[in-house]
């Protein structure tokens, strides 16, 4: 049963999953879940804000898990380990923000609190009166006499996620306004040099006569007396001003004074969604130049798709490119997140669960598959990590997904892909509906151009020839030229 605004219920579970959900459709803006850890109504610092650009709190108690499609709906989830929340924190605010629109255009918006272990619903609040708001505090988890409770709030903000976060004490990075082009220094007119004798500094422009008289040649005794340069002699051409937005800490301090401590960087709310119209983005320009980049694949199958309800023979499975794999005992869909890689030294290969080729993070190929979700039921989906500290050694990476078992193709399935650099904005996109009998889909191509790392949305469904594996099919489509041998889980 949905709660009324202002109502509260006890939360007996030591850990909960907070699910934000809404129905998707044409014109519906993207929605994101976030959490703020408060002490006496404010955050202690910017680290107490957990959202898509800052997915894990330093304490580990609150995590942003990301989006999962569910038929015609989407969910974005957070996990909160209440037993691990620091004693100083008395409230966890649960918020939502609309990207590219307002909540008046978001149908079926709700928030649910579930027991993280059993999945049992503890509380639910359905928002029904949104209009022009672009951010919402939907609920809050708060301490009361040593126990946790959930309150349905439903407070809207017209100022978006930035306004909401600022109200709770977060320092939000202001978007940089485009600067007008500045003339090149060489194009500035060079003033005529004064006579050889040292000349007093020119008066201000307002006091300058229209035609200054010519300076008489000084007597021979004058140069020695005037030889020392005046201590306040100005330069002939003024130094250019600092660019707008340059921090004051970059200006050298006066002699004898210590440099001020650099200010902590403000929280960045930028994110990137790739579409057919805008399919590529530079990770370098977004700040993703180092650290670990998490690649996440999340999917749901529901009752859609051509389900396999019994084990198939080896020939049938080979015909669909699954190398004789059988339907998992659970009868659920098994998708595999994979990557073809090519390094700058010419080394090339594949990272995938078959044959335990999970890769390596701190050695070539600097790509590691975290695990193998064989059911799609794991909240975090399948994840791959790319070590951007070694991006200079990476030439290209093709991220793709295959149907290992549980369905004949991607038809009727729903999936989202998120690339989350440790530094910089996340990049995400959804797969289009599959209209061909495909069991392999190229997701994204990452290319090192020599000056930047570029992510290209592919979302390209491929149909293997009879007897050809999905991995070999994507290899042929992108010209990797690897030698393949049979492998299984």
Protein backbone atom coordinates (compact mmCIF):
# COMPACT_ATOMS: atom_id res chain seq x y z
CA UNK A 1 0.00 0.00 0.00
CA UNK A 2 1.28 3.43 -0.92
CA UNK A 3 2.00 5.82 1.95
CA UNK A 4 0.56 9.30 2.27
CA UNK A 5 2.85 12.34 2.21
CA UNK A 6 4.24 12.94 5.70
CA UNK A 7 3.59 9.38 6.88
CA UNK A 8 6.32 7.28 8.46
CA UNK A 9 6.98 3.61 9.16
CA UNK A 10 9.67 1.68 11.08
CA UNK A 11 12.50 0.12 9.09
CA UNK A 12 13.46 -3.10 10.87
CA UNK A 13 16.03 -4.32 8.31
CA UNK A 14 19.77 -3.72 8.88
CA UNK A 15 20.19 -2.93 5.16
CA UNK A 16 17.72 -1.71 2.55
CA UNK A 17 17.51 -1.23 -1.19
CA UNK A 18 15.83 2.01 -2.23
CA UNK A 19 14.15 1.70 -5.62
CA UNK A 20 13.12 4.77 -7.60
CA UNK A 21 10.80 3.85 -10.49
CA UNK A 22 8.84 5.50 -13.31
CA UNK A 23 7.28 4.67 -16.67
CA UNK A 24 9.20 5.57 -19.80
CA UNK A 25 7.91 6.82 -23.11
CA UNK A 26 8.35 9.51 -25.76
CA UNK A 27 9.15 12.87 -24.17
CA UNK A 28 9.83 11.39 -20.72
CA UNK A 29 13.01 12.86 -19.22
CA UNK A 30 15.66 10.65 -17.70
CA UNK A 31 15.41 10.32 -13.90
CA UNK A 32 18.25 9.77 -11.43
CA UNK A 33 18.26 8.70 -7.80
CA UNK A 34 20.58 10.27 -5.22
CA UNK A 35 21.13 10.33 -1.47
CA UNK A 36 22.47 12.93 0.97
CA UNK A 37 23.81 11.96 4.38
CA UNK A 38 22.94 14.73 6.85
CA UNK A 39 23.98 15.82 10.29
CA UNK A 40 21.61 18.40 11.79
CA UNK A 41 20.08 19.14 8.42
CA UNK A 42 23.30 19.64 6.40
CA UNK A 43 26.00 17.51 4.83
CA UNK A 44 29.37 17.50 6.56
CA UNK A 45 31.18 17.86 3.23
CA UNK A 46 30.64 17.14 -0.46
CA UNK A 47 31.49 13.47 0.11
CA UNK A 48 28.09 13.03 1.80
CA UNK A 49 26.38 13.27 -1.60
CA UNK A 50 25.91 9.91 -3.35
CA UNK A 51 24.73 10.01 -6.97
CA UNK A 52 25.70 8.92 -10.49
CA UNK A 53 29.02 10.82 -10.44
CA UNK A 54 29.92 9.76 -6.87
CA UNK A 55 28.53 6.27 -6.56
CA UNK A 56 29.87 5.13 -3.17
CA UNK A 57 30.05 6.96 0.15
CA UNK A 58 33.44 6.89 1.87
CA UNK A 59 31.96 4.78 4.68
CA UNK A 60 30.63 2.22 2.18
CA UNK A 61 27.20 2.48 3.81
CA UNK A 62 25.41 4.08 0.83
CA UNK A 63 25.85 3.06 -2.81
CA UNK A 64 24.29 4.14 -6.07
CA UNK A 65 23.59 0.91 -7.98
CA UNK A 66 22.33 2.36 -11.25
CA UNK A 67 19.41 1.84 -13.61
CA UNK A 68 17.60 -1.32 -14.60
CA UNK A 69 14.95 -1.49 -17.33
CA UNK A 70 11.73 -3.32 -16.52
CA UNK A 71 9.57 -3.63 -19.60
CA UNK A 72 8.15 -0.20 -20.24
CA UNK A 73 9.50 1.12 -16.94
CA UNK A 74 12.88 1.99 -15.45
CA UNK A 75 14.28 1.86 -11.93
CA UNK A 76 17.31 3.55 -10.40
CA UNK A 77 18.47 2.06 -7.10
CA UNK A 78 20.48 2.87 -4.00
CA UNK A 79 21.55 0.49 -1.24
CA UNK A 80 21.82 1.71 2.33
CA UNK A 81 23.50 -0.43 5.00
CA UNK A 82 21.77 1.21 7.94
CA UNK A 83 23.86 -0.67 10.48
CA UNK A 84 27.00 0.86 8.92
CA UNK A 85 25.85 4.47 8.70
CA UNK A 86 28.18 6.61 10.82
CA UNK A 87 26.75 7.63 14.22
CA UNK A 88 27.08 11.33 13.36
CA UNK A 89 24.64 10.93 10.46
CA UNK A 90 21.05 11.26 11.65
CA UNK A 91 19.26 11.30 8.28
CA UNK A 92 19.64 9.98 4.73
CA UNK A 93 17.64 12.06 2.26
CA UNK A 94 16.39 10.12 -0.80
CA UNK A 95 16.02 12.35 -3.85
CA UNK A 96 15.23 12.22 -7.55
CA UNK A 97 16.20 14.58 -10.37
CA UNK A 98 14.81 14.88 -13.90
CA UNK A 99 17.36 15.36 -16.68
CA UNK A 100 15.96 17.22 -19.70
CA UNK A 101 12.49 17.97 -18.38
CA UNK A 102 10.26 18.22 -15.33
CA UNK A 103 8.50 15.66 -13.17
CA UNK A 104 5.18 16.74 -14.62
CA UNK A 105 6.29 14.69 -17.65
CA UNK A 106 7.33 11.64 -15.61
CA UNK A 107 4.42 9.20 -15.20
CA UNK A 108 4.20 6.64 -12.42
CA UNK A 109 6.97 8.08 -10.23
CA UNK A 110 7.41 6.14 -6.98
CA UNK A 111 9.95 5.21 -4.34
CA UNK A 112 10.12 1.86 -2.55
CA UNK A 113 12.18 0.72 0.42
CA UNK A 114 12.94 -3.01 0.33
CA UNK A 115 14.70 -5.36 2.69
CA UNK A 116 18.08 -5.82 0.99
CA UNK A 117 18.21 -9.50 1.96
CA UNK A 118 14.66 -10.81 1.56
CA UNK A 119 13.42 -8.28 -0.98
CA UNK A 120 10.27 -7.69 1.07
CA UNK A 121 8.70 -4.26 0.62
CA UNK A 122 8.92 -2.12 3.76
CA UNK A 123 7.52 1.15 2.42
CA UNK A 124 6.27 2.73 -0.80
CA UNK A 125 5.39 6.31 -1.71
CA UNK A 126 3.80 7.26 -5.05
CA UNK A 127 4.28 10.86 -6.20
CA UNK A 128 1.10 12.13 -7.85
CA UNK A 129 1.16 15.94 -7.79
CA UNK A 130 4.33 16.87 -9.70
CA UNK A 131 4.18 19.78 -12.17
CA UNK A 132 7.18 22.01 -12.92
CA UNK A 133 9.61 20.46 -10.44
CA UNK A 134 12.93 19.17 -11.78
CA UNK A 135 14.07 17.62 -8.49
CA UNK A 136 12.25 15.91 -5.63
CA UNK A 137 12.96 14.76 -2.11
CA UNK A 138 10.74 11.69 -2.18
CA UNK A 139 11.59 10.32 1.23
CA UNK A 140 14.11 10.07 4.03
CA UNK A 141 15.55 7.45 6.34
CA UNK A 142 16.07 8.90 9.80
CA UNK A 143 17.09 7.78 13.28
CA UNK A 144 14.56 7.88 16.10
CA UNK A 145 15.49 6.62 19.57
CA UNK A 146 18.19 4.32 18.23
CA UNK A 147 16.06 2.84 15.43
CA UNK A 148 15.57 3.74 11.78
CA UNK A 149 12.33 4.94 10.19
CA UNK A 150 11.23 6.01 6.71
CA UNK A 151 9.20 9.16 6.05
CA UNK A 152 7.40 9.98 2.78
CA UNK A 153 8.30 13.60 1.97
CA UNK A 154 7.36 14.65 -1.59
CA UNK A 155 9.05 18.07 -1.58
CA UNK A 156 9.77 19.46 -5.06
CA UNK A 157 12.43 21.85 -6.37
CA UNK A 158 12.25 23.95 -9.53
CA UNK A 159 16.03 24.45 -9.46
CA UNK A 160 16.98 20.87 -10.33
CA UNK A 161 19.54 18.64 -8.68
CA UNK A 162 21.97 21.56 -8.33
CA UNK A 163 19.45 23.59 -6.32
CA UNK A 164 18.48 20.65 -4.15
CA UNK A 165 22.10 19.72 -3.42
CA UNK A 166 23.05 23.34 -2.68
CA UNK A 167 20.21 23.64 -0.16
CA UNK A 168 21.78 20.82 1.84
CA UNK A 169 25.28 22.34 1.76
CA UNK A 170 26.83 20.76 -1.34
CA UNK A 171 29.27 22.89 -3.38
CA UNK A 172 28.16 22.44 -6.99
CA UNK A 173 30.47 23.27 -9.88
CA UNK A 174 28.96 26.05 -11.98
CA UNK A 175 28.74 25.32 -15.71
CA UNK A 176 31.26 27.38 -17.60
CA UNK A 177 29.77 30.01 -19.88
CA UNK A 178 31.30 30.17 -23.35
CA UNK A 179 33.92 32.89 -23.55
CA UNK A 180 34.06 35.34 -26.48
CA UNK A 181 37.11 34.83 -28.69
CA UNK A 182 40.08 36.88 -27.60
CA UNK A 183 42.46 38.48 -30.11
CA UNK A 184 45.84 36.83 -30.32
CA UNK A 185 48.59 38.74 -28.47
CA UNK A 186 50.57 39.10 -31.71
CA UNK A 187 47.71 41.05 -33.25
CA UNK A 188 47.91 43.78 -30.64
CA UNK A 189 49.50 46.97 -31.99
CA UNK A 190 53.03 47.45 -30.73
CA UNK A 191 53.59 50.95 -29.32
CA UNK A 192 56.62 52.85 -30.65
CA UNK A 193 59.73 52.56 -28.55
CA UNK A 194 60.71 55.71 -26.63
CA UNK A 195 64.04 57.44 -27.20
CA UNK A 196 67.13 55.74 -25.88
CA UNK A 197 67.14 57.86 -22.77
CA UNK A 198 65.00 56.57 -19.93
CA UNK A 199 61.64 58.23 -20.10
CA UNK A 200 59.28 58.85 -17.21
CA UNK A 201 56.29 56.49 -17.17
CA UNK A 202 53.56 57.70 -19.53
CA UNK A 203 50.67 59.50 -17.87
CA UNK A 204 47.19 58.00 -17.98
CA UNK A 205 45.49 58.08 -21.39
CA UNK A 206 43.18 60.89 -20.30
CA UNK A 207 46.15 63.11 -19.48
CA UNK A 208 48.18 62.22 -22.57
CA UNK A 209 48.42 65.18 -25.02
CA UNK A 210 47.24 64.49 -28.53
CA UNK A 211 50.71 65.08 -30.00
CA UNK A 212 53.52 64.86 -27.42
CA UNK A 213 56.47 67.15 -28.15
CA UNK A 214 59.70 65.57 -29.28
CA UNK A 215 62.14 64.89 -26.48
CA UNK A 216 65.30 66.98 -26.71
CA UNK A 217 68.58 65.11 -26.80
CA UNK A 218 69.84 65.03 -23.23
CA UNK A 219 73.30 66.39 -22.40
CA UNK A 220 76.11 63.84 -22.07
CA UNK A 221 76.01 63.98 -18.29
CA UNK A 222 72.38 62.96 -18.17
CA UNK A 223 72.64 59.26 -19.16
CA UNK A 224 74.88 58.27 -16.25
CA UNK A 225 72.61 60.05 -13.83
CA UNK A 226 69.49 58.52 -15.37
CA UNK A 227 70.92 55.05 -16.08
CA UNK A 228 69.31 53.18 -13.15
CA UNK A 229 65.86 51.96 -14.24
CA UNK A 230 62.97 53.36 -12.24
CA UNK A 231 61.77 50.70 -9.78
CA UNK A 232 58.12 51.08 -10.89
CA UNK A 233 58.70 51.09 -14.67
CA UNK A 234 55.63 49.54 -16.28
CA UNK A 235 55.82 47.05 -19.17
CA UNK A 236 55.13 48.37 -22.62
CA UNK A 237 52.30 45.83 -23.17
CA UNK A 238 49.98 44.94 -20.27
CA UNK A 239 49.98 41.29 -19.23
CA UNK A 240 46.81 39.47 -20.38
CA UNK A 241 44.22 38.86 -17.66
CA UNK A 242 43.75 35.41 -16.17
CA UNK A 243 41.14 33.28 -17.95
CA UNK A 244 37.70 33.32 -16.41
CA UNK A 245 37.27 30.58 -13.85
CA UNK A 246 40.98 30.15 -13.07
CA UNK A 247 41.32 29.49 -9.33
CA UNK A 248 43.06 32.08 -7.24
CA UNK A 249 45.43 29.42 -5.92
CA UNK A 250 47.12 29.35 -9.35
CA UNK A 251 48.39 32.92 -8.82
CA UNK A 252 51.84 32.90 -7.18
CA UNK A 253 51.71 34.37 -3.65
CA UNK A 254 53.78 37.44 -2.71
CA UNK A 255 57.37 36.72 -1.69
CA UNK A 256 57.63 35.44 1.85
CA UNK A 257 54.00 34.36 2.08
CA UNK A 258 52.94 30.70 1.89
CA UNK A 259 50.63 29.65 -0.92
CA UNK A 260 47.02 29.21 0.18
CA UNK A 261 45.70 25.66 0.39
CA UNK A 262 43.82 24.73 -2.82
CA UNK A 263 40.07 24.64 -2.43
CA UNK A 264 38.35 21.25 -2.70
CA UNK A 265 36.84 20.76 -6.16
CA UNK A 266 33.10 21.31 -6.35
CA UNK A 267 30.75 18.45 -7.17
CA UNK A 268 30.20 17.95 -10.89
CA UNK A 269 26.65 17.11 -11.97
CA UNK A 270 27.47 16.63 -15.65
CA UNK A 271 26.56 13.35 -17.34
CA UNK A 272 26.42 12.16 -20.92
CA UNK A 273 23.76 10.07 -22.67
CA UNK A 274 24.69 8.77 -26.11
CA UNK A 275 22.02 8.67 -28.79
CA UNK A 276 21.81 8.01 -32.53
CA UNK A 277 22.01 11.76 -33.09
CA UNK A 278 24.98 12.22 -30.70
CA UNK A 279 26.72 8.82 -30.61
CA UNK A 280 30.23 9.75 -29.46
CA UNK A 281 31.96 11.55 -26.60
CA UNK A 282 35.57 12.21 -25.60
CA UNK A 283 36.37 10.73 -22.20
CA UNK A 284 39.46 12.92 -22.13
CA UNK A 285 37.44 16.13 -22.49
CA UNK A 286 35.05 14.89 -19.79
CA UNK A 287 37.94 14.38 -17.35
CA UNK A 288 38.22 10.59 -17.64
CA UNK A 289 41.99 10.44 -18.00
CA UNK A 290 42.98 8.12 -15.16
CA UNK A 291 41.72 5.69 -12.55
CA UNK A 292 39.31 2.82 -13.02
CA UNK A 293 36.36 2.98 -15.40
CA UNK A 294 33.46 0.68 -14.59
CA UNK A 295 31.43 -0.68 -17.51
CA UNK A 296 28.01 -1.91 -16.38
CA UNK A 297 25.44 -3.96 -18.28
CA UNK A 298 21.99 -4.30 -16.78
CA UNK A 299 19.05 -6.05 -18.37
CA UNK A 300 15.63 -7.52 -17.77
CA UNK A 301 13.80 -10.13 -19.79
CA UNK A 302 10.47 -10.50 -17.96
CA UNK A 303 8.25 -12.75 -19.99
CA UNK A 304 9.32 -11.22 -23.30
CA UNK A 305 11.65 -12.85 -25.78
CA UNK A 306 11.61 -16.31 -27.24
CA UNK A 307 12.29 -18.26 -24.06
CA UNK A 308 13.90 -21.68 -24.08
CA UNK A 309 11.86 -23.98 -21.88
CA UNK A 310 13.96 -27.13 -22.24
CA UNK A 311 17.51 -28.15 -22.92
CA UNK A 312 18.49 -28.02 -26.57
CA UNK A 313 20.73 -30.38 -28.45
CA UNK A 314 24.31 -29.43 -29.22
CA UNK A 315 23.63 -28.86 -32.93
CA UNK A 316 20.75 -26.50 -32.18
CA UNK A 317 22.83 -24.52 -29.71
CA UNK A 318 25.77 -24.37 -32.13
CA UNK A 319 23.43 -23.11 -34.83
CA UNK A 320 22.56 -20.17 -32.61
CA UNK A 321 26.25 -19.68 -31.82
CA UNK A 322 26.25 -20.73 -28.17
CA UNK A 323 28.85 -23.52 -28.54
CA UNK A 324 26.62 -26.24 -27.15
CA UNK A 325 25.73 -24.43 -23.93
CA UNK A 326 22.59 -25.61 -22.13
CA UNK A 327 19.89 -23.56 -20.53
CA UNK A 328 20.88 -22.66 -16.95
CA UNK A 329 19.06 -24.75 -14.29
CA UNK A 330 17.12 -21.65 -13.24
CA UNK A 331 15.69 -21.31 -16.75
CA UNK A 332 16.76 -17.65 -16.74
CA UNK A 333 18.48 -15.64 -19.41
CA UNK A 334 22.29 -15.69 -19.41
CA UNK A 335 23.99 -12.74 -21.11
CA UNK A 336 27.77 -12.33 -21.22
CA UNK A 337 29.56 -8.98 -21.17
CA UNK A 338 32.73 -9.25 -23.29
CA UNK A 339 35.44 -7.11 -24.88
CA UNK A 340 37.81 -7.37 -27.82
CA UNK A 341 41.00 -5.42 -27.23
CA UNK A 342 44.00 -4.26 -29.22
CA UNK A 343 47.03 -2.69 -27.53
CA UNK A 344 49.49 -0.23 -29.04
CA UNK A 345 52.19 -2.95 -29.13
CA UNK A 346 50.01 -5.07 -31.44
CA UNK A 347 48.77 -7.52 -28.82
CA UNK A 348 45.08 -8.41 -29.24
CA UNK A 349 42.60 -10.73 -27.60
CA UNK A 350 39.23 -11.16 -25.92
CA UNK A 351 37.91 -10.82 -22.37
CA UNK A 352 34.85 -13.02 -21.68
CA UNK A 353 33.64 -15.67 -19.22
CA UNK A 354 34.28 -18.59 -21.58
CA UNK A 355 37.40 -20.47 -20.60
CA UNK A 356 37.79 -18.13 -17.60
CA UNK A 357 39.26 -15.38 -19.78
CA UNK A 358 38.40 -12.70 -17.22
CA UNK A 359 41.39 -10.49 -18.09
CA UNK A 360 43.63 -8.50 -15.73
CA UNK A 361 43.47 -4.97 -14.37
CA UNK A 362 47.11 -4.19 -13.52
CA UNK A 363 48.70 -6.09 -16.39
CA UNK A 364 47.84 -6.39 -20.08
CA UNK A 365 45.13 -6.10 -21.29
CA UNK A 366 44.22 -3.74 -18.36
CA UNK A 367 40.61 -4.94 -18.63
CA UNK A 368 38.94 -7.25 -16.12
CA UNK A 369 35.50 -8.82 -16.07
CA UNK A 370 34.23 -8.71 -12.49
CA UNK A 371 32.01 -11.78 -12.70
CA UNK A 372 29.30 -13.60 -14.60
CA UNK A 373 25.66 -12.85 -13.79
CA UNK A 374 23.93 -15.88 -15.28
CA UNK A 375 20.36 -14.84 -14.42
CA UNK A 376 20.05 -11.06 -14.70
CA UNK A 377 18.80 -11.11 -11.10
CA UNK A 378 21.94 -9.56 -9.60
CA UNK A 379 21.11 -5.93 -8.85
CA UNK A 380 24.47 -4.67 -10.05
CA UNK A 381 24.28 -6.60 -13.33
CA UNK A 382 27.54 -7.53 -15.07
CA UNK A 383 30.54 -5.28 -14.70
CA UNK A 384 33.86 -4.83 -16.44
CA UNK A 385 36.66 -2.54 -15.28
CA UNK A 386 39.14 -0.74 -17.53
CA UNK A 387 42.33 0.71 -16.03
CA UNK A 388 42.62 4.19 -17.54
CA UNK A 389 46.01 4.69 -15.88
CA UNK A 390 47.34 2.61 -18.79
CA UNK A 391 45.23 4.17 -21.55
CA UNK A 392 48.38 5.14 -23.47
CA UNK A 393 48.91 1.41 -24.10
CA UNK A 394 45.34 0.83 -25.30
CA UNK A 395 44.63 1.25 -29.02
CA UNK A 396 40.96 0.20 -29.10
CA UNK A 397 38.40 -1.78 -27.11
CA UNK A 398 35.11 -3.11 -28.44
CA UNK A 399 32.58 -3.89 -25.69
CA UNK A 400 29.91 -6.37 -26.73
CA UNK A 401 27.32 -8.72 -25.24
CA UNK A 402 26.24 -12.22 -26.24
CA UNK A 403 23.27 -14.42 -25.41
CA UNK A 404 24.87 -17.51 -23.91
CA UNK A 405 21.61 -19.30 -23.06
CA UNK A 406 17.99 -18.67 -22.11
CA UNK A 407 16.77 -16.95 -25.29
CA UNK A 408 17.23 -17.29 -29.04
CA UNK A 409 17.94 -13.61 -29.55
CA UNK A 410 17.76 -10.14 -28.02
CA UNK A 411 14.19 -9.71 -29.24
CA UNK A 412 11.96 -8.48 -26.40
CA UNK A 413 14.87 -7.81 -24.03
CA UNK A 414 15.72 -4.45 -22.43
CA UNK A 415 19.26 -3.40 -21.53
CA UNK A 416 21.21 -0.31 -20.49
CA UNK A 417 24.95 0.30 -20.64
CA UNK A 418 26.82 2.69 -18.34
CA UNK A 419 30.50 3.65 -18.49
CA UNK A 420 31.47 5.26 -15.18
CA UNK A 421 34.99 6.73 -15.10
CA UNK A 422 36.51 7.26 -11.68
CA UNK A 423 37.02 10.88 -12.72
CA UNK A 424 34.68 12.61 -15.13
CA UNK A 425 31.08 12.30 -16.20
CA UNK A 426 29.35 8.92 -16.64
CA UNK A 427 28.35 7.86 -20.14
CA UNK A 428 25.21 5.81 -20.62
CA UNK A 429 22.83 4.62 -23.32
CA UNK A 430 20.03 2.12 -23.86
CA UNK A 431 19.87 -0.54 -26.53
CA UNK A 432 17.32 -0.12 -29.26
CA UNK A 433 14.69 -2.81 -29.81
CA UNK A 434 16.14 -5.82 -31.61
CA UNK A 435 14.27 -6.64 -34.83
CA UNK A 436 16.56 -9.40 -36.19
CA UNK A 437 17.39 -12.90 -34.85
CA UNK A 438 20.59 -11.67 -33.21
CA UNK A 439 22.39 -13.19 -30.23
CA UNK A 440 25.38 -10.82 -30.24
CA UNK A 441 25.36 -7.03 -29.97
CA UNK A 442 28.30 -4.63 -30.27
CA UNK A 443 27.74 -2.05 -27.52
CA UNK A 444 30.52 0.54 -27.61
CA UNK A 445 33.86 1.14 -29.31
CA UNK A 446 36.57 2.92 -27.30
CA UNK A 447 39.37 4.33 -29.47
CA UNK A 448 42.63 6.02 -28.53
CA UNK A 449 43.16 8.70 -31.20
CA UNK A 450 46.58 9.63 -29.82
CA UNK A 451 45.30 12.78 -28.17
CA UNK A 452 42.09 11.59 -26.54
CA UNK A 453 40.00 8.54 -25.64
CA UNK A 454 36.70 8.50 -27.53
CA UNK A 455 33.62 6.39 -26.77
CA UNK A 456 31.39 5.56 -29.74
CA UNK A 457 27.90 4.14 -29.20
CA UNK A 458 27.46 1.11 -31.48
CA UNK A 459 24.25 -0.68 -30.35
CA UNK A 460 24.70 -2.91 -33.41
CA UNK A 461 22.93 -6.27 -33.52
CA UNK A 462 24.74 -8.96 -35.52
CA UNK A 463 23.39 -12.26 -36.88
CA UNK A 464 25.94 -15.12 -36.89
CA UNK A 465 26.20 -17.50 -39.81
CA UNK A 466 25.23 -21.11 -38.97
CA UNK A 467 27.95 -22.71 -36.86
CA UNK A 468 29.78 -19.41 -36.24
CA UNK A 469 30.09 -18.25 -32.65
CA UNK A 470 28.93 -14.79 -31.52
CA UNK A 471 32.51 -13.89 -30.57
CA UNK A 472 33.86 -14.76 -34.01
CA UNK A 473 30.95 -12.90 -35.62
CA UNK A 474 31.80 -9.63 -33.88
CA UNK A 475 35.51 -10.20 -34.64
CA UNK A 476 34.75 -10.48 -38.37
CA UNK A 477 32.46 -7.43 -38.29
CA UNK A 478 35.16 -5.20 -36.77
CA UNK A 479 38.26 -6.75 -38.35
CA UNK A 480 40.13 -7.92 -35.26
CA UNK A 481 41.53 -11.04 -37.00
CA UNK A 482 41.83 -13.37 -34.00
CA UNK A 483 42.22 -17.15 -34.11
CA UNK A 484 39.34 -18.83 -32.27
CA UNK A 485 39.03 -22.21 -30.57
CA UNK A 486 36.06 -23.78 -28.77
CA UNK A 487 35.53 -22.79 -25.11
CA UNK A 488 32.78 -23.07 -22.51
CA UNK A 489 31.96 -22.04 -18.96
